[in-house]
Amino acid sequence: MGDAHRIGVVGLGVISRAYLDTLAGHSTVRVTAVADLDASRSAAVAAELPGVQALSVEELLSSPDVDTVLNLTVPAAHAEIALGAIAHGKNVYGEKPLTAELTDAHAVLEAAAKAAVGVGCAPDTVLGTGVQTARAAVAAGAVGRPLFASAVMVTPGHERWHPQPDFYYTAGGGPLLDMGPYYLSALVHLLGPVRAVIGASSRLRSERVIGSGPRAGERIPVEVDSHVSGVLEHEGGVLTTLTTSFDGVATTAAPIEVHGDRGTLTVPDPNNFHGDVRLLELGEGDQGWRTLPPSAGYAGATRGVGLVDFAAAEEQRTPRASGELALHVLEMMTALLRSSAEGRRIELSTSVERPAPVPLTPPEKWR
């Protein structure tokens, strides 16, 4: 992939600040250009960052000073920006999901392969010490032979705090597409790719009430299923039960649990980079839970570490936050929704190699 160190950022919404903060002063990866549909926004950001140009989107995609385009646009624009960057010979790293539609995701990866450029995609939270320590423990046999797992995400819905929550309840929204990439990416790291899914979902409320902001009290329609559950059949035979919901109040369930014939491992929230990994070995009883010290992952990681990893990848190693993983995760999610609608088990057409594990890496080694 070469030295993909010069970054051009397209889309300067709220999420861009976290990336810019992570990349500020980085020793090998630097931002050289920014672009946004709002030219005043890109000008303001460029004024804060020495040596950064404010360009139009098209100028940035064709700029000779950009090697990798960081695509932080809304999901509906992900495919257009990615394909435009690829057409100009640029690598692309984007926010999740890879694209809004599965067919577009295939098109992006096919175009990148023809152009011999790289594609990466968030989430990169799974590269932190939380999920990576859990992965290392499973690989070391901490639970014995993994037999099954669970993944649970329950919230009462984003309308309680978000002043503009409409997107979460229209096509492309819902709990699975919103939060699923974190959980499913973590599960691939922990247990490998998935060969088939069975899904079920529900939508028991036809509207939601906005709880904050200038539209507080306004009722909005619910156009997608707000509770999605399913079973993932991993290629190695492990079964994962998945629950993602905007319908519950709370849960005491661990975000992810891995159960084996010799122990159970709890995995922290995959939407965070860090957190406690806890192990209970067979015969120890409830008092035997112990917290494992961090043993793998990018320590002190923040959003954008996946882009740093992407830029550092060489021919012998695929980027860990790869487009291939994002494609596989997107197919899992769309297949779960199809399975729910059609009432049948669906075999996946994609697979992916588990990303290389991340050795324990202190901040000074990756920043």
Protein backbone atom coordinates (compact mmCIF):
# COMPACT_ATOMS: atom_id res chain seq x y z
CA MET A 1 0.00 0.00 0.00
CA GLY A 2 3.02 2.25 0.27
CA ASP A 3 3.52 5.21 2.59
CA ALA A 4 -0.11 6.32 3.02
CA HIS A 5 0.74 9.10 5.45
CA ARG A 6 -0.76 12.29 3.96
CA ILE A 7 -4.41 12.50 4.92
CA GLY A 8 -7.20 14.53 3.33
CA VAL A 9 -10.34 14.78 5.45
CA VAL A 10 -13.74 14.99 3.75
CA GLY A 11 -16.60 15.88 6.08
CA LEU A 12 -15.98 18.10 9.09
CA GLY A 13 -18.89 17.30 11.37
CA VAL A 14 -18.67 16.53 15.08
CA ILE A 15 -16.80 13.26 14.63
CA SER A 16 -13.95 14.95 12.74
CA ARG A 17 -12.68 16.65 15.90
CA ALA A 18 -11.75 13.34 17.52
CA TYR A 19 -9.75 12.30 14.43
CA LEU A 20 -8.00 15.66 14.16
CA ASP A 21 -7.07 15.54 17.84
CA THR A 22 -5.61 12.03 17.48
CA LEU A 23 -3.60 12.94 14.38
CA ALA A 24 -2.36 16.29 15.68
CA GLY A 25 1.41 16.16 15.93
CA HIS A 26 1.59 12.52 14.86
CA SER A 27 5.10 11.49 13.90
CA THR A 28 4.25 9.68 10.65
CA VAL A 29 0.63 10.49 9.72
CA ARG A 30 -0.39 14.09 9.07
CA VAL A 31 -3.42 15.92 7.74
CA THR A 32 -2.63 17.97 4.63
CA ALA A 33 -6.11 19.01 3.40
CA VAL A 34 -9.72 19.31 4.56
CA ALA A 35 -12.99 19.69 2.67
CA ASP A 36 -16.64 20.09 3.54
CA LEU A 37 -19.80 21.05 1.68
CA ASP A 38 -19.74 24.12 3.93
CA ALA A 39 -16.64 25.98 2.68
CA SER A 40 -16.60 28.24 5.73
CA ARG A 41 -16.28 25.19 7.96
CA SER A 42 -13.29 23.82 6.06
CA ALA A 43 -11.67 27.27 6.06
CA ALA A 44 -12.09 27.54 9.83
CA VAL A 45 -10.59 24.11 10.45
CA ALA A 46 -7.66 24.77 8.11
CA ALA A 47 -6.96 28.04 9.90
CA GLU A 48 -6.42 26.08 13.13
CA LEU A 49 -3.98 23.59 11.59
CA PRO A 50 -0.62 24.75 10.24
CA GLY A 51 0.14 23.47 6.75
CA VAL A 52 -3.41 22.26 6.05
CA GLN A 53 -5.24 23.43 2.92
CA ALA A 54 -8.98 24.09 2.72
CA LEU A 55 -10.14 22.62 -0.60
CA SER A 56 -13.36 21.73 -2.36
CA VAL A 57 -14.28 18.05 -2.21
CA GLU A 58 -13.26 17.48 -5.83
CA GLU A 59 -9.97 19.36 -5.34
CA LEU A 60 -9.14 17.22 -2.33
CA LEU A 61 -9.96 13.94 -4.10
CA SER A 62 -7.54 14.83 -6.90
CA SER A 63 -4.88 16.58 -4.82
CA PRO A 64 -1.31 15.31 -5.30
CA ASP A 65 -0.71 16.11 -1.61
CA VAL A 66 -3.21 13.48 -0.41
CA ASP A 67 -2.46 9.77 -0.25
CA THR A 68 -5.43 8.63 1.84
CA VAL A 69 -8.90 10.17 1.98
CA LEU A 70 -10.51 10.06 5.42
CA ASN A 71 -14.22 9.85 4.60
CA LEU A 72 -16.30 11.32 7.44
CA THR A 73 -19.39 12.16 5.42
CA VAL A 74 -22.90 10.87 6.20
CA PRO A 75 -23.43 7.16 5.37
CA ALA A 76 -25.48 7.97 2.26
CA ALA A 77 -22.42 9.71 0.75
CA HIS A 78 -19.82 7.09 1.74
CA ALA A 79 -19.89 5.23 -1.58
CA GLU A 80 -19.73 8.35 -3.75
CA ILE A 81 -16.74 9.81 -1.91
CA ALA A 82 -14.93 6.46 -1.71
CA LEU A 83 -15.37 5.75 -5.41
CA GLY A 84 -14.27 9.31 -6.28
CA ALA A 85 -11.12 8.94 -4.20
CA ILE A 86 -10.32 5.54 -5.68
CA ALA A 87 -10.80 6.92 -9.21
CA HIS A 88 -7.99 9.38 -8.42
CA GLY A 89 -5.70 6.64 -7.12
CA LYS A 90 -6.24 7.40 -3.42
CA ASN A 91 -6.57 5.01 -0.51
CA VAL A 92 -9.79 5.42 1.47
CA TYR A 93 -10.48 5.11 5.19
CA GLY A 94 -14.03 5.82 6.31
CA GLU A 95 -16.37 5.95 9.25
CA LYS A 96 -18.76 3.04 9.65
CA PRO A 97 -20.66 1.70 7.84
CA LEU A 98 -18.52 1.13 4.76
CA THR A 99 -21.49 2.19 2.61
CA ALA A 100 -25.23 2.47 3.14
CA GLU A 101 -25.99 -0.38 0.72
CA LEU A 102 -24.28 -3.77 0.41
CA THR A 103 -24.07 -3.55 -3.40
CA ASP A 104 -22.19 -0.26 -3.08
CA ALA A 105 -19.76 -1.83 -0.59
CA HIS A 106 -18.93 -4.56 -3.10
CA ALA A 107 -18.44 -1.89 -5.79
CA VAL A 108 -16.01 0.07 -3.58
CA LEU A 109 -13.83 -2.96 -2.85
CA GLU A 110 -13.88 -4.11 -6.48
CA ALA A 111 -12.84 -0.63 -7.67
CA ALA A 112 -10.07 -0.48 -5.06
CA ALA A 113 -8.73 -3.88 -6.12
CA LYS A 114 -8.57 -2.77 -9.76
CA ALA A 115 -6.86 0.49 -8.81
CA ALA A 116 -4.46 -1.28 -6.41
CA VAL A 117 -5.35 1.05 -3.52
CA GLY A 118 -6.37 0.24 0.04
CA VAL A 119 -9.72 0.53 1.82
CA GLY A 120 -10.13 0.79 5.58
CA CYS A 121 -13.13 1.41 7.77
CA ALA A 122 -14.08 2.09 11.38
CA PRO A 123 -14.84 0.99 14.03
CA ASP A 124 -11.35 0.96 15.47
CA THR A 125 -12.45 0.72 19.11
CA VAL A 126 -11.87 -3.04 18.81
CA LEU A 127 -8.13 -2.37 18.50
CA GLY A 128 -7.92 -1.01 22.04
CA THR A 129 -6.89 -2.95 25.12
CA GLY A 130 -10.46 -4.05 25.96
CA VAL A 131 -11.32 -6.30 23.02
CA GLN A 132 -7.69 -7.16 22.27
CA THR A 133 -7.00 -8.37 25.83
CA ALA A 134 -10.13 -10.51 25.62
CA ARG A 135 -9.01 -11.89 22.26
CA ALA A 136 -5.57 -12.74 23.66
CA ALA A 137 -7.17 -14.52 26.62
CA VAL A 138 -9.42 -16.62 24.37
CA ALA A 139 -6.46 -17.47 22.13
CA ALA A 140 -4.42 -18.51 25.17
CA GLY A 141 -7.13 -20.97 26.22
CA ALA A 142 -8.52 -19.02 29.18
CA VAL A 143 -12.04 -20.36 28.58
CA GLY A 144 -10.90 -23.65 27.10
CA ARG A 145 -12.67 -24.46 23.85
CA PRO A 146 -15.10 -21.63 22.96
CA LEU A 147 -18.62 -23.04 22.58
CA PHE A 148 -20.99 -20.07 22.42
CA ALA A 149 -21.16 -16.34 23.05
CA SER A 150 -23.65 -13.55 23.66
CA ALA A 151 -23.68 -9.88 22.65
CA VAL A 152 -26.19 -7.44 24.13
CA MET A 153 -26.88 -3.74 23.48
CA VAL A 154 -30.00 -2.27 25.12
CA THR A 155 -30.94 1.41 25.35
CA PRO A 156 -34.30 3.21 25.65
CA GLY A 157 -33.67 5.01 22.36
CA HIS A 158 -31.66 8.04 21.27
CA GLU A 159 -34.68 10.34 21.15
CA ARG A 160 -34.33 10.83 24.91
CA TRP A 161 -31.12 12.85 24.48
CA HIS A 162 -30.62 13.55 20.75
CA PRO A 163 -32.33 16.75 19.54
CA GLN A 164 -32.57 15.43 15.95
CA PRO A 165 -33.13 11.66 16.31
CA ASP A 166 -35.17 11.08 13.13
CA PHE A 167 -32.35 9.20 11.34
CA TYR A 168 -32.31 6.45 13.97
CA TYR A 169 -35.87 5.44 13.07
CA THR A 170 -35.77 5.66 9.27
CA ALA A 171 -34.23 3.41 6.60
CA GLY A 172 -30.55 2.87 7.38
CA GLY A 173 -31.16 3.41 11.08
CA GLY A 174 -32.28 1.16 13.91
CA PRO A 175 -30.22 -0.40 16.69
CA LEU A 176 -28.44 -2.98 14.55
CA LEU A 177 -27.11 -0.66 11.85
CA ASP A 178 -26.29 2.01 14.44
CA MET A 179 -24.38 -0.07 16.99
CA GLY A 180 -23.94 -3.45 15.34
CA PRO A 181 -20.59 -2.65 13.66
CA TYR A 182 -18.89 -2.38 17.08
CA TYR A 183 -20.24 -5.68 18.38
CA LEU A 184 -19.90 -7.67 15.15
CA SER A 185 -16.36 -6.44 14.48
CA ALA A 186 -15.41 -7.44 18.03
CA LEU A 187 -16.96 -10.88 17.55
CA VAL A 188 -14.92 -11.48 14.39
CA HIS A 189 -11.76 -10.56 16.32
CA LEU A 190 -12.73 -12.88 19.16
CA LEU A 191 -14.25 -15.86 17.34
CA GLY A 192 -13.67 -15.48 13.62
CA PRO A 193 -15.94 -14.79 10.63
CA VAL A 194 -19.58 -15.82 10.31
CA ARG A 195 -21.02 -18.27 7.78
CA ALA A 196 -24.78 -17.86 8.34
CA VAL A 197 -27.33 -15.92 10.39
CA ILE A 198 -30.88 -16.29 11.67
CA GLY A 199 -32.69 -13.09 12.65
CA ALA A 200 -35.89 -11.89 14.30
CA SER A 201 -36.99 -8.33 14.95
CA SER A 202 -39.91 -6.22 16.13
CA ARG A 203 -41.35 -2.72 16.07
CA LEU A 204 -43.90 -2.46 18.84
CA ARG A 205 -44.11 1.35 18.95
CA SER A 206 -45.12 3.36 15.89
CA GLU A 207 -43.72 6.67 17.13
CA ARG A 208 -41.22 8.21 19.55
CA VAL A 209 -41.23 11.51 21.47
CA ILE A 210 -38.20 13.82 21.24
CA GLY A 211 -36.98 14.53 24.76
CA SER A 212 -34.62 17.48 24.35
CA GLY A 213 -33.78 20.49 22.23
CA PRO A 214 -36.05 22.85 20.27
CA ARG A 215 -38.24 19.97 19.07
CA ALA A 216 -38.84 18.52 22.54
CA GLY A 217 -42.29 16.94 22.73
CA GLU A 218 -42.53 16.37 18.96
CA ARG A 219 -43.60 12.89 17.89
CA ILE A 220 -41.63 11.19 15.12
CA PRO A 221 -42.58 8.01 13.21
CA VAL A 222 -40.72 4.73 13.67
CA GLU A 223 -40.13 3.30 10.19
CA VAL A 224 -37.66 0.52 11.04
CA ASP A 225 -37.57 -2.33 13.54
CA SER A 226 -36.36 -1.05 16.90
CA HIS A 227 -35.41 -4.44 18.37
CA VAL A 228 -33.24 -6.86 16.37
CA SER A 229 -32.03 -10.20 17.65
CA GLY A 230 -30.42 -13.18 16.01
CA VAL A 231 -27.98 -16.04 16.02
CA LEU A 232 -24.61 -15.90 14.27
CA GLU A 233 -23.03 -19.17 13.12
CA HIS A 234 -19.28 -18.63 13.16
CA GLU A 235 -17.22 -20.62 10.68
CA GLY A 236 -15.53 -22.46 13.54
CA GLY A 237 -18.88 -23.68 14.89
CA VAL A 238 -19.35 -21.22 17.76
CA LEU A 239 -22.86 -19.75 18.04
CA THR A 240 -23.40 -16.15 19.16
CA THR A 241 -26.79 -14.86 20.28
CA LEU A 242 -27.14 -11.15 19.50
CA THR A 243 -29.57 -8.58 20.89
CA THR A 244 -29.62 -4.93 19.81
CA SER A 245 -32.51 -2.83 21.06
CA PHE A 246 -33.84 0.71 21.34
CA ASP A 247 -36.80 -0.66 23.32
CA GLY A 248 -35.42 -1.55 26.75
CA VAL A 249 -34.61 0.60 29.76
CA ALA A 250 -31.28 -1.01 30.70
CA THR A 251 -29.52 -4.35 31.05
CA THR A 252 -27.16 -5.96 33.53
CA ALA A 253 -25.78 -8.29 30.85
CA ALA A 254 -22.14 -7.95 29.88
CA PRO A 255 -21.79 -6.36 26.42
CA ILE A 256 -20.15 -9.58 25.20
CA GLU A 257 -19.58 -12.91 26.95
CA VAL A 258 -17.58 -15.83 25.59
CA HIS A 259 -18.39 -19.23 27.12
CA GLY A 260 -16.06 -22.19 26.84
CA ASP A 261 -15.79 -25.63 28.40
CA ARG A 262 -13.41 -24.32 31.09
CA GLY A 263 -14.49 -20.76 31.72
CA THR A 264 -16.51 -17.66 30.90
CA LEU A 265 -15.00 -14.35 29.78
CA THR A 266 -16.77 -10.96 29.90
CA VAL A 267 -15.71 -8.40 27.31
CA PRO A 268 -16.13 -4.62 27.84
CA ASP A 269 -18.27 -2.36 25.68
CA PRO A 270 -16.85 -2.59 22.13
CA ASN A 271 -17.90 1.03 21.60
CA ASN A 272 -15.04 1.93 23.95
CA PHE A 273 -11.32 1.32 23.50
CA HIS A 274 -10.73 0.15 27.06
CA GLY A 275 -12.49 -1.59 29.92
CA ASP A 276 -12.22 -4.55 32.26
CA VAL A 277 -11.95 -8.07 30.91
CA ARG A 278 -13.14 -10.53 33.56
CA LEU A 279 -12.68 -14.30 33.74
CA LEU A 280 -14.46 -16.98 35.77
CA GLU A 281 -12.93 -20.43 35.55
CA LEU A 282 -14.93 -23.62 35.97
CA GLY A 283 -15.36 -24.59 39.62
CA GLU A 284 -14.45 -21.18 41.05
CA GLY A 285 -18.01 -20.07 41.88
CA ASP A 286 -19.32 -16.50 41.64
CA GLN A 287 -16.58 -15.23 43.97
CA GLY A 288 -13.93 -16.42 41.54
CA TRP A 289 -14.28 -13.67 38.96
CA ARG A 290 -10.96 -11.94 38.35
CA THR A 291 -10.03 -8.97 36.21
CA LEU A 292 -7.29 -9.63 33.68
CA PRO A 293 -4.59 -6.97 33.27
CA PRO A 294 -4.30 -5.43 29.79
CA SER A 295 -2.16 -7.76 27.71
CA ALA A 296 -2.85 -6.65 24.12
CA GLY A 297 -4.09 -3.69 22.11
CA TYR A 298 -3.22 -0.06 21.52
CA ALA A 299 -2.98 1.44 25.01
CA GLY A 300 -4.51 4.88 25.42
CA ALA A 301 -6.18 4.53 22.02
CA THR A 302 -8.53 7.21 20.71
CA ARG A 303 -10.64 7.45 17.58
CA GLY A 304 -8.35 7.37 14.57
CA VAL A 305 -5.95 4.71 15.81
CA GLY A 306 -7.38 2.48 13.07
CA LEU A 307 -6.31 5.06 10.49
CA VAL A 308 -2.82 5.12 11.98
CA ASP A 309 -2.76 1.31 11.78
CA PHE A 310 -4.04 1.52 8.19
CA ALA A 311 -1.31 3.96 7.18
CA ALA A 312 1.36 1.78 8.80
CA ALA A 313 0.24 -1.46 7.14
CA GLU A 314 2.65 -2.95 4.64
CA GLU A 315 2.31 -5.57 1.95
CA GLN A 316 2.77 -8.42 4.41
CA ARG A 317 -0.06 -7.27 6.70
CA THR A 318 -3.62 -6.30 5.87
CA PRO A 319 -4.86 -3.24 7.79
CA ARG A 320 -6.72 -4.41 10.88
CA ALA A 321 -9.66 -2.04 10.32
CA SER A 322 -9.99 -3.24 6.74
CA GLY A 323 -12.62 -2.74 4.09
CA GLU A 324 -12.97 -6.51 3.84
CA LEU A 325 -13.93 -6.74 7.52
CA ALA A 326 -16.36 -3.84 7.12
CA LEU A 327 -17.96 -5.56 4.11
CA HIS A 328 -18.38 -8.81 6.06
CA VAL A 329 -19.94 -6.94 8.99
CA LEU A 330 -22.30 -5.03 6.67
CA GLU A 331 -23.42 -8.31 5.07
CA MET A 332 -24.04 -9.80 8.52
CA MET A 333 -26.31 -6.90 9.43
CA THR A 334 -28.25 -6.83 6.17
CA ALA A 335 -28.62 -10.62 6.29
CA LEU A 336 -30.02 -10.48 9.83
CA LEU A 337 -32.65 -7.99 8.69
CA ARG A 338 -33.45 -10.09 5.61
CA SER A 339 -33.69 -13.22 7.73
CA SER A 340 -36.12 -11.49 10.05
CA ALA A 341 -38.29 -10.31 7.15
CA GLU A 342 -38.21 -13.64 5.30
CA GLY A 343 -38.23 -16.01 8.26
CA ARG A 344 -35.28 -18.14 7.16
CA ARG A 345 -31.63 -18.89 7.76
CA ILE A 346 -29.32 -16.99 5.39
CA GLU A 347 -25.84 -18.07 4.39
CA LEU A 348 -23.34 -15.27 3.81
CA SER A 349 -21.48 -14.79 0.55
CA THR A 350 -18.51 -13.02 2.15
CA SER A 351 -15.89 -14.09 4.63
CA VAL A 352 -12.75 -12.47 5.98
CA GLU A 353 -9.50 -13.44 7.61
CA ARG A 354 -9.40 -12.48 11.26
CA PRO A 355 -7.35 -9.29 11.54
CA ALA A 356 -3.88 -9.67 12.99
CA PRO A 357 -3.97 -9.36 16.80
CA VAL A 358 -2.59 -6.13 18.25
CA PRO A 359 0.33 -6.64 20.64
CA LEU A 360 0.29 -4.46 23.74
CA THR A 361 1.47 -1.14 22.33
CA PRO A 362 2.08 1.90 24.57
CA PRO A 363 0.87 5.32 23.33
CA GLU A 364 4.35 6.56 22.49
CA LYS A 365 4.75 3.71 20.02
CA TRP A 366 1.64 4.46 17.92
CA ARG A 367 1.07 8.20 18.33
